[in-house]
């Protein structure tokens, strides 16, 4: 539509709106980023062709030490664990290390976190996948500050684990495996309560 073809009244009303559009367009034209403990997280990403938004992000602390930054991406906003676990379509959790850590130990902590937040019978069905995931972390030996691993849920494919930019083996096919991982951070006994609230987008 040609702005000059508008009658004077409409043109006067449209001018400030067009100006606002020019001011705010850059916010929508490219992906904005959010900084958490020095880690830049994109506000919007695409996983398997589906657009996802950053639902929340925060820092995992152990005592007073920062261990890693975590970011949760979903197709639509979720403020409860139940909403995250029931969310349709792809989902992603990104973890960026803030300090060097023994990755085998991290794998053990994740296994324990899954077990602590599930019924024993449900966890037992996932043991083969848990063992394989732990072996992946053991093989890496160390995760250094600044290095990242990613957990993707892709419907019809499974849970894809990417460490330092490399996909590790075949996807974990069990539909419940990704939700079991999410419970590490979002379950009734989360790794860090403040991180749980941050991932669910709850403001302090």
N, C-alpha and C. Protein backbone atom coordinates (compact mmCIF):
# COMPACT_ATOMS: atom_id res chain seq x y z
N UNK A 1 0.86 -1.19 0.00
CA UNK A 1 0.00 0.00 0.00
C UNK A 1 0.89 1.23 0.00
N UNK A 2 0.57 2.20 -0.87
CA UNK A 2 1.33 3.44 -0.97
C UNK A 2 0.86 4.39 0.11
N UNK A 3 1.75 4.78 1.00
CA UNK A 3 1.42 5.67 2.10
C UNK A 3 0.89 7.01 1.60
N UNK A 4 1.37 7.47 0.45
CA UNK A 4 0.98 8.77 -0.09
C UNK A 4 -0.45 8.77 -0.61
N UNK A 5 -1.03 7.60 -0.87
CA UNK A 5 -2.40 7.53 -1.38
C UNK A 5 -3.44 7.62 -0.28
N UNK A 6 -3.02 7.60 0.98
CA UNK A 6 -3.97 7.70 2.08
C UNK A 6 -4.50 9.12 2.19
N UNK A 7 -5.74 9.28 2.68
CA UNK A 7 -6.24 10.62 2.89
C UNK A 7 -5.46 11.26 4.04
N UNK A 8 -5.49 12.59 4.18
CA UNK A 8 -4.64 13.26 5.17
C UNK A 8 -4.81 12.74 6.58
N UNK A 9 -6.07 12.43 6.97
CA UNK A 9 -6.29 11.98 8.34
C UNK A 9 -5.61 10.63 8.58
N UNK A 10 -5.81 9.68 7.65
CA UNK A 10 -5.21 8.36 7.80
C UNK A 10 -3.70 8.44 7.71
N UNK A 11 -3.22 9.35 6.83
CA UNK A 11 -1.78 9.48 6.69
C UNK A 11 -1.15 9.98 8.00
N UNK A 12 -1.84 10.91 8.66
CA UNK A 12 -1.34 11.44 9.93
C UNK A 12 -1.30 10.36 11.01
N UNK A 13 -2.34 9.48 10.98
CA UNK A 13 -2.40 8.42 11.97
C UNK A 13 -1.38 7.33 11.69
N UNK A 14 -1.14 7.07 10.39
CA UNK A 14 -0.26 5.96 10.02
C UNK A 14 1.20 6.30 10.20
N UNK A 15 1.56 7.58 10.07
CA UNK A 15 2.98 7.96 10.11
C UNK A 15 3.69 7.52 11.38
N UNK A 16 3.14 7.82 12.58
CA UNK A 16 3.84 7.37 13.79
C UNK A 16 3.89 5.85 13.92
N UNK A 17 2.84 5.16 13.41
CA UNK A 17 2.83 3.71 13.48
C UNK A 17 3.92 3.13 12.59
N UNK A 18 4.08 3.71 11.39
CA UNK A 18 5.14 3.26 10.49
C UNK A 18 6.50 3.53 11.10
N UNK A 19 6.62 4.67 11.77
CA UNK A 19 7.89 5.00 12.41
C UNK A 19 8.21 3.99 13.51
N UNK A 20 7.19 3.60 14.28
CA UNK A 20 7.40 2.60 15.32
C UNK A 20 7.83 1.28 14.73
N UNK A 21 7.21 0.94 13.60
CA UNK A 21 7.57 -0.30 12.93
C UNK A 21 9.02 -0.31 12.51
N UNK A 22 9.50 0.84 12.05
CA UNK A 22 10.90 0.94 11.65
C UNK A 22 11.81 0.84 12.87
N UNK A 23 11.36 1.35 14.00
CA UNK A 23 12.18 1.30 15.22
C UNK A 23 12.28 -0.12 15.75
N UNK A 24 11.14 -0.82 15.77
CA UNK A 24 11.12 -2.13 16.41
C UNK A 24 11.36 -3.29 15.46
N UNK A 25 11.42 -3.05 14.18
CA UNK A 25 11.60 -4.14 13.22
C UNK A 25 12.85 -4.97 13.50
N UNK A 26 13.99 -4.35 13.83
CA UNK A 26 15.17 -5.16 14.08
C UNK A 26 14.99 -6.20 15.18
N UNK A 27 14.09 -5.95 16.12
CA UNK A 27 13.87 -6.91 17.19
C UNK A 27 13.26 -8.19 16.66
N UNK A 28 12.50 -8.07 15.58
CA UNK A 28 11.82 -9.23 15.03
C UNK A 28 12.50 -9.77 13.78
N UNK A 29 13.31 -8.95 13.13
CA UNK A 29 13.94 -9.38 11.88
C UNK A 29 15.00 -10.44 12.13
N UNK A 30 15.71 -10.36 13.24
CA UNK A 30 16.74 -11.33 13.53
C UNK A 30 16.53 -11.91 14.91
N UNK A 31 17.25 -12.99 15.19
CA UNK A 31 17.09 -13.63 16.49
C UNK A 31 17.76 -12.79 17.57
N UNK A 32 16.98 -12.43 18.58
CA UNK A 32 17.55 -11.74 19.72
C UNK A 32 18.25 -12.77 20.61
N UNK A 33 19.11 -12.30 21.49
CA UNK A 33 19.79 -13.21 22.40
C UNK A 33 19.58 -12.76 23.84
N UNK A 34 19.69 -13.73 24.73
CA UNK A 34 19.60 -13.48 26.16
C UNK A 34 20.91 -13.93 26.79
N UNK A 35 21.48 -13.10 27.64
CA UNK A 35 22.75 -13.46 28.28
C UNK A 35 22.49 -13.97 29.69
N UNK A 36 23.00 -15.16 29.98
CA UNK A 36 22.88 -15.76 31.30
C UNK A 36 24.26 -16.20 31.75
N UNK A 37 24.79 -15.55 32.76
CA UNK A 37 26.12 -15.85 33.29
C UNK A 37 27.18 -15.83 32.19
N UNK A 38 27.05 -14.87 31.28
CA UNK A 38 28.02 -14.71 30.22
C UNK A 38 27.78 -15.58 29.01
N UNK A 39 26.76 -16.43 29.04
CA UNK A 39 26.43 -17.31 27.92
C UNK A 39 25.30 -16.68 27.11
N UNK A 40 25.49 -16.58 25.80
CA UNK A 40 24.48 -16.02 24.93
C UNK A 40 23.53 -17.13 24.45
N UNK A 41 22.24 -16.97 24.73
CA UNK A 41 21.22 -17.92 24.29
C UNK A 41 20.28 -17.22 23.32
N UNK A 42 20.06 -17.84 22.16
CA UNK A 42 19.12 -17.27 21.20
C UNK A 42 17.71 -17.33 21.75
N UNK A 43 16.95 -16.26 21.51
CA UNK A 43 15.58 -16.20 22.00
C UNK A 43 14.67 -17.15 21.22
N UNK A 44 14.99 -17.34 19.93
CA UNK A 44 14.19 -18.22 19.08
C UNK A 44 15.11 -19.08 18.23
N UNK A 45 14.75 -20.37 18.11
CA UNK A 45 15.55 -21.30 17.31
C UNK A 45 14.59 -22.16 16.49
N UNK A 46 15.14 -23.03 15.66
CA UNK A 46 14.35 -23.99 14.90
C UNK A 46 14.93 -25.39 15.12
N UNK A 47 14.08 -26.33 15.47
CA UNK A 47 14.48 -27.73 15.65
C UNK A 47 13.60 -28.59 14.77
N UNK A 48 14.22 -29.31 13.85
CA UNK A 48 13.49 -30.20 12.93
C UNK A 48 12.37 -29.46 12.19
N UNK A 49 12.66 -28.22 11.81
CA UNK A 49 11.71 -27.43 11.04
C UNK A 49 10.65 -26.73 11.86
N UNK A 50 10.67 -26.90 13.18
CA UNK A 50 9.67 -26.28 14.04
C UNK A 50 10.28 -25.11 14.82
N UNK A 51 9.62 -23.95 14.82
CA UNK A 51 10.14 -22.81 15.59
C UNK A 51 9.92 -23.02 17.08
N UNK A 52 10.95 -22.75 17.87
CA UNK A 52 10.86 -22.85 19.32
C UNK A 52 11.30 -21.53 19.94
N UNK A 53 10.78 -21.25 21.13
CA UNK A 53 11.16 -20.04 21.84
C UNK A 53 11.79 -20.41 23.18
N UNK A 54 12.66 -19.54 23.66
CA UNK A 54 13.31 -19.77 24.94
C UNK A 54 12.27 -19.61 26.05
N UNK A 55 11.95 -20.71 26.70
CA UNK A 55 10.95 -20.68 27.75
C UNK A 55 11.51 -20.09 29.04
N UNK A 56 12.78 -20.41 29.30
CA UNK A 56 13.44 -19.90 30.49
C UNK A 56 14.87 -20.38 30.51
N UNK A 57 15.73 -19.71 31.27
CA UNK A 57 17.13 -20.07 31.37
C UNK A 57 17.66 -19.66 32.73
N UNK A 58 18.66 -20.38 33.21
CA UNK A 58 19.24 -20.06 34.50
C UNK A 58 20.55 -20.78 34.71
N UNK A 59 21.05 -20.68 35.92
CA UNK A 59 22.36 -21.23 36.27
C UNK A 59 22.21 -22.34 37.30
N UNK A 60 22.93 -23.42 37.09
CA UNK A 60 23.00 -24.50 38.07
C UNK A 60 24.15 -24.19 39.02
N UNK A 61 23.81 -24.08 40.29
CA UNK A 61 24.82 -23.82 41.31
C UNK A 61 25.09 -25.09 42.11
N UNK A 62 26.34 -25.26 42.52
CA UNK A 62 26.68 -26.28 43.51
C UNK A 62 27.41 -25.54 44.62
N UNK A 63 26.76 -25.46 45.79
CA UNK A 63 27.20 -24.56 46.86
C UNK A 63 27.20 -23.14 46.28
N UNK A 64 28.33 -22.46 46.30
CA UNK A 64 28.36 -21.09 45.76
C UNK A 64 28.94 -21.04 44.35
N UNK A 65 29.26 -22.21 43.79
CA UNK A 65 29.93 -22.25 42.50
C UNK A 65 28.94 -22.41 41.35
N UNK A 66 29.16 -21.66 40.29
CA UNK A 66 28.36 -21.80 39.08
C UNK A 66 28.89 -22.99 38.28
N UNK A 67 28.00 -23.93 37.94
CA UNK A 67 28.41 -25.14 37.23
C UNK A 67 28.10 -25.05 35.74
N UNK A 68 26.86 -24.70 35.41
CA UNK A 68 26.50 -24.56 33.99
C UNK A 68 25.28 -23.66 33.84
N UNK A 69 25.11 -23.17 32.61
CA UNK A 69 23.91 -22.43 32.23
C UNK A 69 23.00 -23.36 31.45
N UNK A 70 21.72 -23.36 31.76
CA UNK A 70 20.75 -24.21 31.07
C UNK A 70 19.66 -23.36 30.44
N UNK A 71 19.22 -23.74 29.25
CA UNK A 71 18.14 -23.05 28.57
C UNK A 71 17.14 -24.05 28.03
N UNK A 72 15.85 -23.80 28.24
CA UNK A 72 14.77 -24.69 27.79
C UNK A 72 14.00 -24.03 26.66
N UNK A 73 13.86 -24.75 25.54
CA UNK A 73 13.14 -24.24 24.37
C UNK A 73 11.90 -25.09 24.10
N UNK A 74 10.76 -24.39 23.92
CA UNK A 74 9.48 -25.06 23.65
C UNK A 74 8.75 -24.33 22.52
N UNK A 75 7.76 -25.03 21.98
CA UNK A 75 6.95 -24.41 20.93
C UNK A 75 6.02 -23.34 21.46
N UNK A 76 5.60 -23.47 22.71
CA UNK A 76 4.76 -22.46 23.33
C UNK A 76 5.08 -22.38 24.81
N UNK A 77 4.76 -21.25 25.41
CA UNK A 77 5.14 -20.98 26.79
C UNK A 77 4.56 -22.02 27.76
N UNK A 78 5.40 -22.44 28.71
CA UNK A 78 4.96 -23.36 29.76
C UNK A 78 5.47 -22.83 31.09
N UNK A 79 4.61 -22.89 32.11
CA UNK A 79 5.00 -22.39 33.43
C UNK A 79 4.96 -23.48 34.50
N UNK A 80 4.62 -24.72 34.10
CA UNK A 80 4.61 -25.84 35.04
C UNK A 80 5.33 -27.02 34.42
N UNK A 81 5.80 -27.90 35.28
CA UNK A 81 6.47 -29.11 34.81
C UNK A 81 5.54 -29.93 33.94
N UNK A 82 4.29 -30.02 34.35
CA UNK A 82 3.32 -30.82 33.59
C UNK A 82 3.15 -30.30 32.17
N UNK A 83 3.13 -28.99 32.02
CA UNK A 83 3.00 -28.40 30.68
C UNK A 83 4.22 -28.71 29.82
N UNK A 84 5.40 -28.68 30.42
CA UNK A 84 6.62 -28.99 29.67
C UNK A 84 6.61 -30.44 29.21
N UNK A 85 6.26 -31.35 30.10
CA UNK A 85 6.27 -32.77 29.77
C UNK A 85 5.22 -33.13 28.73
N UNK A 86 4.12 -32.38 28.70
CA UNK A 86 3.03 -32.66 27.76
C UNK A 86 3.13 -31.86 26.46
N UNK A 87 4.14 -31.00 26.36
CA UNK A 87 4.24 -30.11 25.19
C UNK A 87 4.39 -30.92 23.91
N UNK A 88 3.61 -30.59 22.87
CA UNK A 88 3.73 -31.29 21.60
C UNK A 88 4.92 -30.76 20.80
N UNK A 89 5.33 -31.53 19.81
CA UNK A 89 6.39 -31.08 18.92
C UNK A 89 7.77 -31.17 19.54
N UNK A 90 8.77 -30.70 18.81
CA UNK A 90 10.15 -30.75 19.31
C UNK A 90 10.35 -29.90 20.56
N UNK A 91 11.34 -30.27 21.35
CA UNK A 91 11.74 -29.52 22.52
C UNK A 91 13.27 -29.59 22.62
N UNK A 92 13.86 -28.64 23.30
CA UNK A 92 15.32 -28.63 23.44
C UNK A 92 15.75 -28.12 24.80
N UNK A 93 16.80 -28.75 25.35
CA UNK A 93 17.49 -28.25 26.53
C UNK A 93 18.96 -28.08 26.15
N UNK A 94 19.50 -26.90 26.39
CA UNK A 94 20.91 -26.66 26.13
C UNK A 94 21.65 -26.46 27.45
N UNK A 95 22.84 -27.03 27.55
CA UNK A 95 23.67 -26.91 28.74
C UNK A 95 25.04 -26.41 28.31
N UNK A 96 25.47 -25.29 28.87
CA UNK A 96 26.79 -24.74 28.60
C UNK A 96 27.58 -24.67 29.89
N UNK A 97 28.72 -25.31 29.90
CA UNK A 97 29.52 -25.39 31.12
C UNK A 97 30.10 -24.02 31.50
N UNK A 98 30.09 -23.73 32.78
CA UNK A 98 30.68 -22.50 33.30
C UNK A 98 31.99 -22.79 34.04
N UNK A 99 32.31 -24.07 34.19
CA UNK A 99 33.58 -24.48 34.81
C UNK A 99 33.94 -25.86 34.25
N UNK A 100 35.19 -26.22 34.32
CA UNK A 100 35.61 -27.55 33.89
C UNK A 100 35.02 -28.59 34.85
N UNK A 101 34.59 -29.72 34.28
CA UNK A 101 33.98 -30.75 35.13
C UNK A 101 34.27 -32.13 34.55
N UNK A 102 34.39 -33.10 35.43
CA UNK A 102 34.55 -34.50 35.02
C UNK A 102 33.22 -34.94 34.42
N UNK A 103 33.20 -35.21 33.12
CA UNK A 103 31.93 -35.50 32.45
C UNK A 103 31.35 -36.85 32.88
N UNK A 104 32.20 -37.80 33.28
CA UNK A 104 31.69 -39.07 33.78
C UNK A 104 30.88 -38.85 35.05
N UNK A 105 31.38 -37.96 35.92
CA UNK A 105 30.67 -37.63 37.15
C UNK A 105 29.35 -36.94 36.83
N UNK A 106 29.35 -36.07 35.82
CA UNK A 106 28.13 -35.39 35.41
C UNK A 106 27.10 -36.41 34.91
N UNK A 107 27.57 -37.40 34.14
CA UNK A 107 26.67 -38.45 33.66
C UNK A 107 26.03 -39.21 34.80
N UNK A 108 26.82 -39.49 35.86
CA UNK A 108 26.29 -40.19 37.02
C UNK A 108 25.24 -39.34 37.74
N UNK A 109 25.50 -38.03 37.84
CA UNK A 109 24.55 -37.14 38.49
C UNK A 109 23.23 -37.09 37.72
N UNK A 110 23.32 -37.09 36.39
CA UNK A 110 22.11 -37.09 35.57
C UNK A 110 21.32 -38.38 35.78
N UNK A 111 22.04 -39.51 35.82
CA UNK A 111 21.37 -40.80 36.04
C UNK A 111 20.65 -40.79 37.39
N UNK A 112 21.34 -40.26 38.41
CA UNK A 112 20.74 -40.20 39.74
C UNK A 112 19.54 -39.25 39.74
N UNK A 113 19.67 -38.15 39.02
CA UNK A 113 18.57 -37.19 38.95
C UNK A 113 17.34 -37.78 38.29
N UNK A 114 17.53 -38.59 37.27
CA UNK A 114 16.40 -39.27 36.63
C UNK A 114 15.75 -40.25 37.59
N UNK A 115 16.60 -41.03 38.26
CA UNK A 115 16.08 -42.06 39.18
C UNK A 115 15.33 -41.44 40.35
N UNK A 116 15.85 -40.33 40.88
CA UNK A 116 15.24 -39.69 42.04
C UNK A 116 13.88 -39.06 41.74
N UNK A 117 13.60 -38.83 40.47
CA UNK A 117 12.37 -38.12 40.10
C UNK A 117 11.37 -39.00 39.36
N UNK A 118 11.58 -40.32 39.45
CA UNK A 118 10.67 -41.25 38.78
C UNK A 118 10.31 -42.41 39.70
N UNK A 119 9.20 -43.07 39.39
CA UNK A 119 8.89 -44.31 40.07
C UNK A 119 9.91 -45.37 39.64
N UNK A 120 10.24 -46.26 40.55
CA UNK A 120 11.29 -47.24 40.28
C UNK A 120 10.97 -48.10 39.05
N UNK A 121 9.70 -48.50 38.92
CA UNK A 121 9.33 -49.37 37.79
C UNK A 121 9.50 -48.65 36.46
N UNK A 122 9.17 -47.35 36.44
CA UNK A 122 9.31 -46.57 35.21
C UNK A 122 10.79 -46.36 34.88
N UNK A 123 11.60 -46.10 35.90
CA UNK A 123 13.02 -45.88 35.67
C UNK A 123 13.70 -47.16 35.16
N UNK A 124 13.29 -48.31 35.68
CA UNK A 124 13.92 -49.57 35.30
C UNK A 124 13.80 -49.83 33.79
N UNK A 125 12.71 -49.35 33.19
CA UNK A 125 12.52 -49.55 31.75
C UNK A 125 13.50 -48.71 30.92
N UNK A 126 14.04 -47.68 31.54
CA UNK A 126 14.94 -46.78 30.81
C UNK A 126 16.41 -47.07 31.07
N UNK A 127 16.71 -48.07 31.87
CA UNK A 127 18.09 -48.34 32.27
C UNK A 127 19.03 -48.52 31.08
N UNK A 128 18.66 -49.27 30.02
CA UNK A 128 19.59 -49.39 28.89
C UNK A 128 19.99 -48.04 28.29
N UNK A 129 19.02 -47.14 28.16
CA UNK A 129 19.32 -45.80 27.65
C UNK A 129 20.16 -44.99 28.61
N UNK A 130 19.89 -45.14 29.90
CA UNK A 130 20.64 -44.41 30.92
C UNK A 130 22.11 -44.85 30.89
N UNK A 131 22.34 -46.16 30.76
CA UNK A 131 23.71 -46.68 30.70
C UNK A 131 24.42 -46.15 29.47
N UNK A 132 23.73 -46.13 28.35
CA UNK A 132 24.35 -45.64 27.11
C UNK A 132 24.69 -44.16 27.22
N UNK A 133 23.78 -43.38 27.80
CA UNK A 133 24.04 -41.96 27.97
C UNK A 133 25.23 -41.73 28.89
N UNK A 134 25.30 -42.48 29.98
CA UNK A 134 26.41 -42.35 30.91
C UNK A 134 27.74 -42.68 30.23
N UNK A 135 27.72 -43.67 29.34
CA UNK A 135 28.93 -44.05 28.62
C UNK A 135 29.40 -42.93 27.70
N UNK A 136 28.45 -42.23 27.09
CA UNK A 136 28.81 -41.10 26.22
C UNK A 136 29.59 -40.06 27.01
N UNK A 137 29.09 -39.72 28.19
CA UNK A 137 29.78 -38.72 29.01
C UNK A 137 31.12 -39.25 29.51
N UNK A 138 31.17 -40.53 29.85
CA UNK A 138 32.43 -41.13 30.30
C UNK A 138 33.48 -41.05 29.21
N UNK A 139 33.08 -41.30 27.97
CA UNK A 139 34.01 -41.27 26.84
C UNK A 139 34.62 -39.89 26.64
N UNK A 140 33.86 -38.84 26.97
CA UNK A 140 34.37 -37.48 26.78
C UNK A 140 35.35 -37.06 27.87
N UNK A 141 35.30 -37.75 28.99
CA UNK A 141 36.22 -37.52 30.11
C UNK A 141 36.06 -36.14 30.77
N UNK A 142 36.18 -35.08 29.99
CA UNK A 142 36.08 -33.72 30.54
C UNK A 142 35.15 -32.87 29.69
N UNK A 143 34.41 -32.02 30.36
CA UNK A 143 33.69 -30.94 29.70
C UNK A 143 34.29 -29.66 30.24
N UNK A 144 34.76 -28.80 29.34
CA UNK A 144 35.46 -27.60 29.74
C UNK A 144 34.53 -26.40 29.73
N UNK A 145 34.87 -25.38 30.49
CA UNK A 145 34.08 -24.15 30.53
C UNK A 145 33.89 -23.64 29.10
N UNK A 146 32.65 -23.33 28.75
CA UNK A 146 32.32 -22.84 27.41
C UNK A 146 31.83 -23.92 26.47
N UNK A 147 32.05 -25.20 26.82
CA UNK A 147 31.57 -26.28 25.96
C UNK A 147 30.10 -26.57 26.25
N UNK A 148 29.41 -27.03 25.21
CA UNK A 148 27.95 -27.17 25.28
C UNK A 148 27.51 -28.57 24.88
N UNK A 149 26.46 -29.06 25.52
CA UNK A 149 25.76 -30.23 24.99
C UNK A 149 24.28 -29.92 24.94
N UNK A 150 23.60 -30.60 24.03
CA UNK A 150 22.21 -30.29 23.72
C UNK A 150 21.38 -31.57 23.76
N UNK A 151 20.20 -31.47 24.35
CA UNK A 151 19.23 -32.57 24.38
C UNK A 151 18.02 -32.14 23.56
N UNK A 152 17.75 -32.85 22.47
CA UNK A 152 16.60 -32.54 21.61
C UNK A 152 15.60 -33.67 21.64
N UNK A 153 14.32 -33.32 21.79
CA UNK A 153 13.25 -34.29 21.56
C UNK A 153 12.67 -34.03 20.18
N UNK A 154 12.74 -35.03 19.32
CA UNK A 154 12.21 -34.92 17.96
C UNK A 154 11.16 -36.01 17.78
N UNK A 155 9.87 -35.65 17.70
CA UNK A 155 8.81 -36.65 17.55
C UNK A 155 9.08 -37.57 16.35
N UNK A 156 8.89 -38.86 16.57
CA UNK A 156 9.12 -39.83 15.50
C UNK A 156 10.56 -40.27 15.38
N UNK A 157 11.46 -39.57 16.07
CA UNK A 157 12.89 -39.91 16.02
C UNK A 157 13.39 -40.32 17.40
N UNK A 158 13.12 -39.50 18.41
CA UNK A 158 13.56 -39.80 19.75
C UNK A 158 14.37 -38.66 20.33
N UNK A 159 15.13 -38.96 21.38
CA UNK A 159 15.98 -37.98 22.03
C UNK A 159 17.35 -37.99 21.37
N UNK A 160 17.77 -36.84 20.87
CA UNK A 160 19.07 -36.72 20.20
C UNK A 160 20.02 -35.98 21.15
N UNK A 161 21.16 -36.60 21.43
CA UNK A 161 22.16 -36.02 22.30
C UNK A 161 23.32 -35.51 21.46
N UNK A 162 23.59 -34.22 21.57
CA UNK A 162 24.68 -33.60 20.84
C UNK A 162 25.68 -33.03 21.85
N UNK A 163 26.93 -33.46 21.76
CA UNK A 163 27.98 -33.00 22.68
C UNK A 163 29.07 -32.30 21.88
N UNK A 164 29.35 -31.05 22.23
CA UNK A 164 30.38 -30.26 21.55
C UNK A 164 30.13 -30.20 20.04
N UNK A 165 28.85 -30.12 19.67
CA UNK A 165 28.48 -29.98 18.27
C UNK A 165 28.40 -31.28 17.49
N UNK A 166 28.63 -32.43 18.13
CA UNK A 166 28.59 -33.72 17.45
C UNK A 166 27.47 -34.58 18.01
N UNK A 167 26.62 -35.11 17.12
CA UNK A 167 25.55 -36.01 17.54
C UNK A 167 26.17 -37.32 18.01
N UNK A 168 25.75 -37.77 19.20
CA UNK A 168 26.33 -38.97 19.81
C UNK A 168 25.44 -40.19 19.57
N UNK A 169 25.82 -41.01 18.59
CA UNK A 169 25.13 -42.27 18.36
C UNK A 169 23.69 -42.12 17.88
N UNK A 170 22.95 -43.21 18.03
CA UNK A 170 21.56 -43.24 17.61
C UNK A 170 20.68 -42.53 18.64
N UNK A 171 19.53 -42.00 18.18
CA UNK A 171 18.60 -41.37 19.14
C UNK A 171 18.11 -42.38 20.17
N UNK A 172 17.76 -41.88 21.34
CA UNK A 172 17.16 -42.71 22.38
C UNK A 172 15.67 -42.80 22.05
N UNK A 173 15.23 -43.99 21.65
CA UNK A 173 13.90 -44.13 21.06
C UNK A 173 12.76 -44.02 22.06
N UNK A 174 13.03 -44.40 23.34
CA UNK A 174 11.93 -44.45 24.30
C UNK A 174 11.27 -43.08 24.44
N UNK A 175 9.96 -42.99 24.21
CA UNK A 175 9.27 -41.69 24.32
C UNK A 175 9.44 -41.04 25.69
N UNK A 176 9.58 -41.85 26.73
CA UNK A 176 9.65 -41.31 28.08
C UNK A 176 11.05 -40.82 28.44
N UNK A 177 12.04 -41.15 27.61
CA UNK A 177 13.42 -40.85 27.98
C UNK A 177 13.66 -39.35 28.10
N UNK A 178 13.15 -38.58 27.16
CA UNK A 178 13.36 -37.13 27.21
C UNK A 178 12.69 -36.53 28.43
N UNK A 179 11.47 -36.95 28.72
CA UNK A 179 10.78 -36.43 29.90
C UNK A 179 11.50 -36.81 31.19
N UNK A 180 12.10 -38.01 31.19
CA UNK A 180 12.88 -38.41 32.36
C UNK A 180 14.07 -37.48 32.54
N UNK A 181 14.70 -37.09 31.44
CA UNK A 181 15.79 -36.13 31.52
C UNK A 181 15.29 -34.77 32.02
N UNK A 182 14.14 -34.34 31.52
CA UNK A 182 13.60 -33.05 31.94
C UNK A 182 13.31 -33.02 33.45
N UNK A 183 12.96 -34.16 34.00
CA UNK A 183 12.66 -34.21 35.43
C UNK A 183 13.90 -33.97 36.29
N UNK A 184 15.09 -34.16 35.71
CA UNK A 184 16.31 -33.83 36.46
C UNK A 184 16.24 -32.40 36.95
N UNK A 185 15.75 -31.52 36.09
CA UNK A 185 15.69 -30.09 36.41
C UNK A 185 14.30 -29.62 36.84
N UNK A 186 13.26 -30.36 36.42
CA UNK A 186 11.90 -29.88 36.65
C UNK A 186 11.06 -30.79 37.53
N UNK A 187 11.64 -31.90 37.98
CA UNK A 187 10.88 -32.85 38.78
C UNK A 187 10.69 -32.41 40.22
N UNK A 188 10.10 -33.28 41.07
CA UNK A 188 9.84 -32.94 42.47
C UNK A 188 11.12 -32.80 43.29
N UNK A 189 12.22 -33.39 42.81
CA UNK A 189 13.52 -33.26 43.48
C UNK A 189 14.53 -32.72 42.46
N UNK A 190 14.37 -31.48 42.04
CA UNK A 190 15.22 -30.94 40.98
C UNK A 190 16.67 -30.76 41.41
N UNK A 191 17.55 -30.69 40.43
CA UNK A 191 18.97 -30.48 40.71
C UNK A 191 19.19 -29.16 41.43
N UNK A 192 18.35 -28.17 41.12
CA UNK A 192 18.51 -26.84 41.70
C UNK A 192 17.14 -26.15 41.63
N UNK A 193 16.58 -25.81 42.79
CA UNK A 193 15.23 -25.23 42.81
C UNK A 193 15.16 -23.89 42.09
N UNK A 194 16.19 -23.08 42.26
CA UNK A 194 16.19 -21.78 41.58
C UNK A 194 16.28 -21.95 40.07
N UNK A 195 17.04 -22.94 39.63
CA UNK A 195 17.13 -23.22 38.19
C UNK A 195 15.79 -23.71 37.66
N UNK A 196 15.11 -24.53 38.45
CA UNK A 196 13.78 -25.01 38.03
C UNK A 196 12.85 -23.83 37.77
N UNK A 197 12.80 -22.89 38.70
CA UNK A 197 11.94 -21.73 38.54
C UNK A 197 12.36 -20.91 37.31
N UNK A 198 13.67 -20.79 37.09
CA UNK A 198 14.16 -20.01 35.96
C UNK A 198 13.76 -20.65 34.63
N UNK A 199 13.87 -21.97 34.54
CA UNK A 199 13.53 -22.67 33.30
C UNK A 199 12.03 -22.57 33.00
N UNK A 200 11.23 -22.46 34.07
CA UNK A 200 9.78 -22.30 33.89
C UNK A 200 9.38 -20.83 33.74
N UNK A 201 10.38 -19.98 33.65
CA UNK A 201 10.11 -18.55 33.39
C UNK A 201 9.53 -17.80 34.56
N UNK A 202 9.74 -18.33 35.77
CA UNK A 202 9.19 -17.65 36.94
C UNK A 202 10.16 -16.60 37.44
N UNK A 203 9.67 -15.37 37.57
CA UNK A 203 10.51 -14.26 37.99
C UNK A 203 10.58 -14.21 39.51
N UNK A 204 11.76 -13.89 40.00
CA UNK A 204 11.93 -13.72 41.44
C UNK A 204 11.57 -12.29 41.86
